Amino acid sequence: MKPDDISYNFSVTKVICILMVATAHYFGGLLWIPTTVALFVFAFSSGYFSASKYHGDFSISRFWKAKLIRLGYSLVVTNCFLLLLFLIQAKSKIFSWDTLLSMVGLNAILSWFGIHNHSPFGNGLWFLAVLWMFYIVYPVIERTNRNPKVAFIFILCMLGITTYLNFTVLVGYELWITIFGFLFGTYIATIKSRLPFIYASGILIASITTMLALNKYWGIHSLNYYFILVSAVAICHILLTRRLPDIIGPISSILAGSVLEIYLIHTYLFIKTPNYPFLGYVVSMLLIILVAMFLGAARDRLKTTIDKNRYCAVKN
């Protein structure tokens, strides 16, 4: 499949995934299962496209600069909005010592060491912390993947390590399978190997069916992690081998540029209506989407203004 088709597939899927994540955070419960798959797809996508674009003798400093700029504008605009929101809500400890870490999504590192986050910023942003860490170590991963045999041994070892940690180091969210998603994405992009669509689809159907049967009829839940992992891998291969229907494109394109903003703000804009939960959910999602689109437009305007001023300064 052509690179443009793969880019289209993941662009559409990431919109669906972020809405799934927001929905799961609103309702909770068994929605954690598709949400885990969504997080894996996000991580896989970041790893895959980073490895597809940055390989060989690329400039490490340019790589880090590009990633910093990519996230920086969204973080600046979104944090300004959240600061205003917290001031209106009269939140406490807005300017606590850990505010800066929380604003850039690194407060998860504090929680890994048992340090409580006092700031209202950074709610649920552990994925962003892992993303930052991935960008930092990517040059090492890229060099490891240059040798196919070493790359295979590395990804196999990381599969074993992350699986072991998933059952032994409990953090309250799907950290380890997400970390593996980043690494697996770089590996697949490097070796350029794909499961045929028919095989990936069959594996996905068999995995979901077996997991549901084991859970419902035999009460076996201990194998869920493996079925979720297999399902997520199968979905990623499907996205690499078969273009999604074009009818989805125009719908998802409305939100494609605001995926990060939806992630950053969605937990702060939930409106709970105990008597009418679905109504509260619909209102919350509409509010989140509208605000995210506004912030996305503000981000683009800020970037355009700064780029224009920089160009004028260089030209003069």
Protein backbone atom coordinates (compact mmCIF):
# COMPACT_ATOMS: atom_id res chain seq x y z
CA MET A 1 0.00 0.00 0.00
CA LYS A 2 1.20 3.53 -0.80
CA PRO A 3 2.57 5.77 1.99
CA ASP A 4 -0.28 8.24 1.43
CA ASP A 5 -2.82 5.46 2.03
CA ILE A 6 -1.09 4.44 5.25
CA SER A 7 -0.97 8.06 6.41
CA TYR A 8 -4.68 8.42 5.60
CA ASN A 9 -5.54 5.25 7.52
CA PHE A 10 -3.75 6.30 10.69
CA SER A 11 -5.04 9.86 10.46
CA VAL A 12 -8.60 8.56 10.39
CA THR A 13 -7.97 5.92 13.04
CA LYS A 14 -6.32 8.34 15.47
CA VAL A 15 -9.47 10.50 15.42
CA ILE A 16 -11.55 7.44 16.26
CA CYS A 17 -9.05 6.40 18.93
CA ILE A 18 -8.97 9.76 20.73
CA LEU A 19 -12.76 9.82 20.84
CA MET A 20 -12.62 6.29 22.26
CA VAL A 21 -10.15 7.39 24.93
CA ALA A 22 -12.35 10.35 25.91
CA THR A 23 -15.44 8.12 26.00
CA ALA A 24 -13.70 5.57 28.22
CA HIS A 25 -12.57 8.29 30.63
CA TYR A 26 -16.14 9.55 30.83
CA PHE A 27 -17.89 6.22 31.43
CA GLY A 28 -15.09 3.95 32.70
CA GLY A 29 -15.82 0.24 33.06
CA LEU A 30 -15.02 -2.31 30.36
CA LEU A 31 -14.27 0.43 27.86
CA TRP A 32 -10.67 0.13 29.05
CA ILE A 33 -10.26 -2.77 26.61
CA PRO A 34 -10.84 -0.84 23.34
CA THR A 35 -9.06 2.12 24.93
CA THR A 36 -5.94 0.01 25.44
CA VAL A 37 -6.05 -0.90 21.76
CA ALA A 38 -6.47 2.79 20.92
CA LEU A 39 -3.40 3.71 22.99
CA PHE A 40 -1.39 0.97 21.28
CA VAL A 41 -2.41 2.32 17.87
CA PHE A 42 -1.35 5.83 18.92
CA ALA A 43 2.02 4.55 20.12
CA PHE A 44 2.52 2.34 17.06
CA SER A 45 1.74 5.27 14.78
CA SER A 46 4.31 7.51 16.48
CA GLY A 47 6.96 4.81 16.29
CA TYR A 48 6.14 3.84 12.71
CA PHE A 49 6.13 7.32 11.21
CA SER A 50 9.18 8.43 13.18
CA ALA A 51 11.12 5.43 11.85
CA SER A 52 9.76 5.97 8.32
CA LYS A 53 10.89 9.60 8.27
CA TYR A 54 14.02 9.58 10.42
CA HIS A 55 16.48 6.81 9.62
CA GLY A 56 20.08 6.42 8.58
CA ASP A 57 22.36 9.37 9.22
CA PHE A 58 19.65 11.84 10.20
CA SER A 59 20.37 14.83 12.41
CA ILE A 60 19.50 13.97 16.01
CA SER A 61 19.31 17.64 16.99
CA ARG A 62 16.92 18.38 14.11
CA PHE A 63 14.82 15.38 15.10
CA TRP A 64 14.47 16.59 18.68
CA LYS A 65 13.86 20.16 17.53
CA ALA A 66 11.11 19.05 15.14
CA LYS A 67 9.37 17.04 17.86
CA LEU A 68 9.69 19.87 20.38
CA ILE A 69 8.14 22.33 17.93
CA ARG A 70 5.41 19.84 17.01
CA LEU A 71 4.27 19.51 20.61
CA GLY A 72 5.33 22.94 21.85
CA TYR A 73 2.76 25.11 20.10
CA SER A 74 -0.12 22.89 21.22
CA LEU A 75 1.14 22.85 24.81
CA VAL A 76 1.55 26.63 24.96
CA VAL A 77 -1.92 27.39 23.61
CA THR A 78 -3.67 24.64 25.57
CA ASN A 79 -1.96 25.51 28.85
CA CYS A 80 -2.98 29.15 28.45
CA PHE A 81 -6.58 27.99 28.06
CA LEU A 82 -6.33 25.67 31.06
CA LEU A 83 -4.75 28.38 33.19
CA LEU A 84 -7.68 30.66 32.44
CA LEU A 85 -10.11 27.82 33.18
CA PHE A 86 -8.44 27.02 36.52
CA LEU A 87 -8.44 30.69 37.54
CA ILE A 88 -12.16 30.93 36.77
CA GLN A 89 -12.77 27.75 38.75
CA ALA A 90 -10.59 29.09 41.60
CA LYS A 91 -8.47 25.92 41.62
CA SER A 92 -5.90 25.63 44.37
CA LYS A 93 -2.13 25.19 43.91
CA ILE A 94 -2.18 26.35 40.31
CA PHE A 95 1.36 27.66 40.75
CA SER A 96 2.72 24.82 42.89
CA TRP A 97 6.30 23.56 42.50
CA ASP A 98 5.31 20.76 40.12
CA THR A 99 3.17 22.93 37.83
CA LEU A 100 5.80 23.20 35.11
CA LEU A 101 6.34 19.44 34.90
CA SER A 102 2.59 18.88 34.84
CA MET A 103 2.02 21.45 32.10
CA VAL A 104 4.25 19.52 29.71
CA GLY A 105 2.84 16.15 30.69
CA LEU A 106 5.78 14.91 32.74
CA ASN A 107 3.92 14.61 36.04
CA ALA A 108 3.55 10.89 35.33
CA ILE A 109 7.24 10.56 36.12
CA LEU A 110 6.50 11.95 39.58
CA SER A 111 3.79 9.35 40.13
CA TRP A 112 6.19 6.56 39.13
CA PHE A 113 8.30 7.60 42.10
CA GLY A 114 5.29 7.95 44.39
CA ILE A 115 5.31 11.78 44.34
CA HIS A 116 1.86 13.37 44.38
CA ASN A 117 1.01 15.97 41.76
CA HIS A 118 -0.31 19.07 43.55
CA SER A 119 -1.02 21.02 40.37
CA PRO A 120 -4.36 20.83 38.51
CA PHE A 121 -2.35 20.61 35.28
CA GLY A 122 -1.34 17.29 33.76
CA ASN A 123 -4.49 15.29 34.53
CA GLY A 124 -4.25 11.91 32.78
CA LEU A 125 -1.27 12.88 30.60
CA TRP A 126 0.91 9.83 31.26
CA PHE A 127 0.90 8.98 27.54
CA LEU A 128 2.56 12.31 26.81
CA ALA A 129 5.33 11.49 29.28
CA VAL A 130 5.98 8.21 27.47
CA LEU A 131 5.95 10.05 24.14
CA TRP A 132 8.62 12.48 25.39
CA MET A 133 10.72 9.54 26.58
CA PHE A 134 10.35 7.81 23.23
CA TYR A 135 11.60 10.90 21.40
CA ILE A 136 14.61 11.10 23.72
CA VAL A 137 15.68 7.47 23.22
CA TYR A 138 14.62 7.17 19.56
CA PRO A 139 18.16 7.74 18.14
CA VAL A 140 19.35 4.70 20.13
CA ILE A 141 16.38 2.62 18.95
CA GLU A 142 17.00 3.68 15.34
CA ARG A 143 20.61 2.51 15.47
CA THR A 144 19.54 -0.78 17.05
CA ASN A 145 17.06 -1.39 14.22
CA ARG A 146 19.68 -0.95 11.48
CA ASN A 147 20.70 -4.60 11.84
CA PRO A 148 17.66 -6.84 11.12
CA LYS A 149 18.87 -9.66 13.38
CA VAL A 150 19.66 -7.31 16.26
CA ALA A 151 16.32 -5.56 15.71
CA PHE A 152 14.46 -8.88 15.93
CA ILE A 153 16.23 -9.90 19.12
CA PHE A 154 15.62 -6.44 20.60
CA ILE A 155 11.88 -6.37 19.88
CA LEU A 156 11.51 -9.96 21.14
CA CYS A 157 13.29 -9.04 24.39
CA MET A 158 11.16 -5.92 24.80
CA LEU A 159 8.02 -7.98 24.26
CA GLY A 160 9.07 -10.27 27.08
CA ILE A 161 10.13 -7.42 29.38
CA THR A 162 6.99 -5.30 28.89
CA THR A 163 4.76 -8.36 29.30
CA TYR A 164 6.53 -9.29 32.53
CA LEU A 165 6.31 -5.73 33.86
CA ASN A 166 2.62 -5.57 32.98
CA PHE A 167 1.92 -8.31 35.54
CA THR A 168 4.50 -7.34 38.15
CA VAL A 169 4.70 -3.52 38.18
CA LEU A 170 1.13 -2.23 38.36
CA VAL A 171 0.74 1.50 37.68
CA GLY A 172 -3.04 1.77 37.24
CA TYR A 173 -3.03 2.28 33.48
CA GLU A 174 -1.80 0.45 30.39
CA LEU A 175 1.78 1.75 30.47
CA TRP A 176 3.73 -1.32 29.41
CA ILE A 177 1.70 -2.37 26.39
CA THR A 178 1.84 1.25 25.21
CA ILE A 179 5.64 1.33 25.51
CA PHE A 180 5.80 -1.84 23.44
CA GLY A 181 3.55 -0.17 20.85
CA PHE A 182 6.14 2.57 20.27
CA LEU A 183 8.94 0.04 19.85
CA PHE A 184 6.91 -2.28 17.66
CA GLY A 185 6.01 0.61 15.35
CA THR A 186 9.68 1.43 14.74
CA TYR A 187 10.45 -2.23 14.16
CA ILE A 188 7.71 -2.77 11.56
CA ALA A 189 8.67 0.44 9.73
CA THR A 190 12.29 -0.69 9.63
CA ILE A 191 11.83 -4.26 8.41
CA LYS A 192 8.98 -3.23 6.06
CA SER A 193 7.16 -6.49 6.72
CA ARG A 194 3.37 -6.79 6.79
CA LEU A 195 0.86 -9.46 7.63
CA PRO A 196 -1.46 -9.91 4.63
CA PHE A 197 -4.86 -8.31 5.17
CA ILE A 198 -6.72 -11.63 5.20
CA TYR A 199 -4.44 -13.09 7.87
CA ALA A 200 -4.52 -9.98 10.04
CA SER A 201 -8.32 -9.85 9.82
CA GLY A 202 -8.61 -13.52 10.71
CA ILE A 203 -6.29 -13.13 13.69
CA LEU A 204 -8.26 -10.09 14.89
CA ILE A 205 -11.62 -11.88 14.68
CA ALA A 206 -10.28 -15.04 16.33
CA SER A 207 -8.60 -13.08 19.13
CA ILE A 208 -11.67 -10.98 19.99
CA THR A 209 -14.02 -13.97 19.76
CA THR A 210 -11.84 -16.15 21.98
CA MET A 211 -11.38 -13.42 24.58
CA LEU A 212 -15.11 -12.72 24.77
CA ALA A 213 -15.91 -16.43 25.07
CA LEU A 214 -13.34 -17.00 27.82
CA ASN A 215 -14.59 -13.98 29.75
CA LYS A 216 -18.31 -14.61 29.41
CA TYR A 217 -18.64 -18.39 29.64
CA TRP A 218 -15.63 -19.47 31.69
CA GLY A 219 -14.81 -16.33 33.65
CA ILE A 220 -11.18 -16.44 32.56
CA HIS A 221 -9.73 -12.92 32.56
CA SER A 222 -6.03 -13.61 33.10
CA LEU A 223 -5.37 -13.95 29.37
CA ASN A 224 -6.97 -10.65 28.36
CA TYR A 225 -3.64 -8.86 28.07
CA TYR A 226 -2.41 -11.27 25.42
CA PHE A 227 -5.63 -11.11 23.40
CA ILE A 228 -5.65 -7.31 23.55
CA LEU A 229 -2.02 -7.19 22.42
CA VAL A 230 -2.65 -9.60 19.54
CA SER A 231 -5.77 -7.66 18.51
CA ALA A 232 -3.90 -4.35 18.57
CA VAL A 233 -1.05 -5.76 16.47
CA ALA A 234 -3.56 -7.18 13.98
CA ILE A 235 -5.36 -3.85 13.67
CA CYS A 236 -2.09 -2.05 12.98
CA HIS A 237 -1.27 -4.53 10.21
CA ILE A 238 -4.75 -4.05 8.73
CA LEU A 239 -4.13 -0.29 8.66
CA LEU A 240 -0.84 -0.95 6.84
CA THR A 241 -2.36 -3.19 4.17
CA ARG A 242 -5.88 -2.01 3.29
CA ARG A 243 -7.07 1.58 2.75
CA LEU A 244 -10.08 2.56 4.82
CA PRO A 245 -13.26 3.72 3.03
CA ASP A 246 -12.91 7.23 1.61
CA ILE A 247 -16.25 8.25 3.09
CA ILE A 248 -14.65 8.34 6.56
CA GLY A 249 -11.96 10.78 5.45
CA PRO A 250 -13.97 14.01 5.18
CA ILE A 251 -15.61 13.35 8.55
CA SER A 252 -12.37 12.62 10.38
CA SER A 253 -10.47 15.45 8.67
CA ILE A 254 -12.49 17.95 10.69
CA LEU A 255 -10.85 16.68 13.87
CA ALA A 256 -7.54 15.33 12.51
CA GLY A 257 -5.72 18.56 13.30
CA SER A 258 -7.05 18.71 16.87
CA VAL A 259 -6.32 15.19 18.13
CA LEU A 260 -3.60 16.37 20.52
CA GLU A 261 -5.78 19.19 21.83
CA ILE A 262 -8.64 16.76 22.50
CA TYR A 263 -6.24 14.58 24.45
CA LEU A 264 -4.88 17.49 26.47
CA ILE A 265 -8.23 19.00 27.52
CA HIS A 266 -10.86 16.26 27.54
CA THR A 267 -10.65 15.29 31.23
CA TYR A 268 -11.20 18.92 32.29
CA LEU A 269 -14.42 19.49 30.34
CA PHE A 270 -16.59 16.57 31.40
CA ILE A 271 -20.12 17.52 32.41
CA LYS A 272 -21.67 14.86 34.63
CA THR A 273 -25.46 14.51 34.69
CA PRO A 274 -26.29 11.55 36.99
CA ASN A 275 -29.93 11.38 35.90
CA TYR A 276 -29.12 11.65 32.19
CA PRO A 277 -25.62 10.19 31.70
CA PHE A 278 -25.83 9.93 27.93
CA LEU A 279 -26.94 13.55 27.60
CA GLY A 280 -24.01 14.63 29.76
CA TYR A 281 -21.68 12.60 27.58
CA VAL A 282 -22.96 14.12 24.33
CA VAL A 283 -22.75 17.66 25.69
CA SER A 284 -19.24 16.97 27.03
CA MET A 285 -17.98 15.60 23.73
CA LEU A 286 -19.42 18.50 21.75
CA LEU A 287 -17.81 20.97 24.15
CA ILE A 288 -14.46 19.16 24.01
CA ILE A 289 -14.49 19.03 20.21
CA LEU A 290 -15.42 22.70 19.80
CA VAL A 291 -12.80 23.88 22.28
CA ALA A 292 -10.16 21.59 20.75
CA MET A 293 -10.88 22.93 17.26
CA PHE A 294 -10.61 26.51 18.56
CA LEU A 295 -7.30 25.72 20.25
CA GLY A 296 -6.05 24.00 17.11
CA ALA A 297 -6.85 27.10 15.06
CA ALA A 298 -5.13 29.30 17.67
CA ARG A 299 -2.08 27.01 17.58
CA ASP A 300 -1.84 27.28 13.79
CA ARG A 301 -2.25 31.05 13.95
CA LEU A 302 0.50 31.31 16.56
CA LYS A 303 2.85 29.13 14.51
CA THR A 304 2.17 31.09 11.33
CA THR A 305 2.79 34.41 13.08
CA ILE A 306 6.07 33.26 14.64
CA ASP A 307 7.30 31.70 11.38
CA LYS A 308 6.45 34.88 9.48
CA ASN A 309 8.27 37.08 12.00
CA ARG A 310 11.27 34.76 11.96
CA TYR A 311 11.38 34.86 8.16
CA CYS A 312 11.19 38.65 8.14
CA ALA A 313 13.97 38.87 10.74
CA VAL A 314 16.23 36.58 8.68
CA LYS A 315 15.45 38.42 5.47
CA ASN A 316 16.27 41.80 7.02
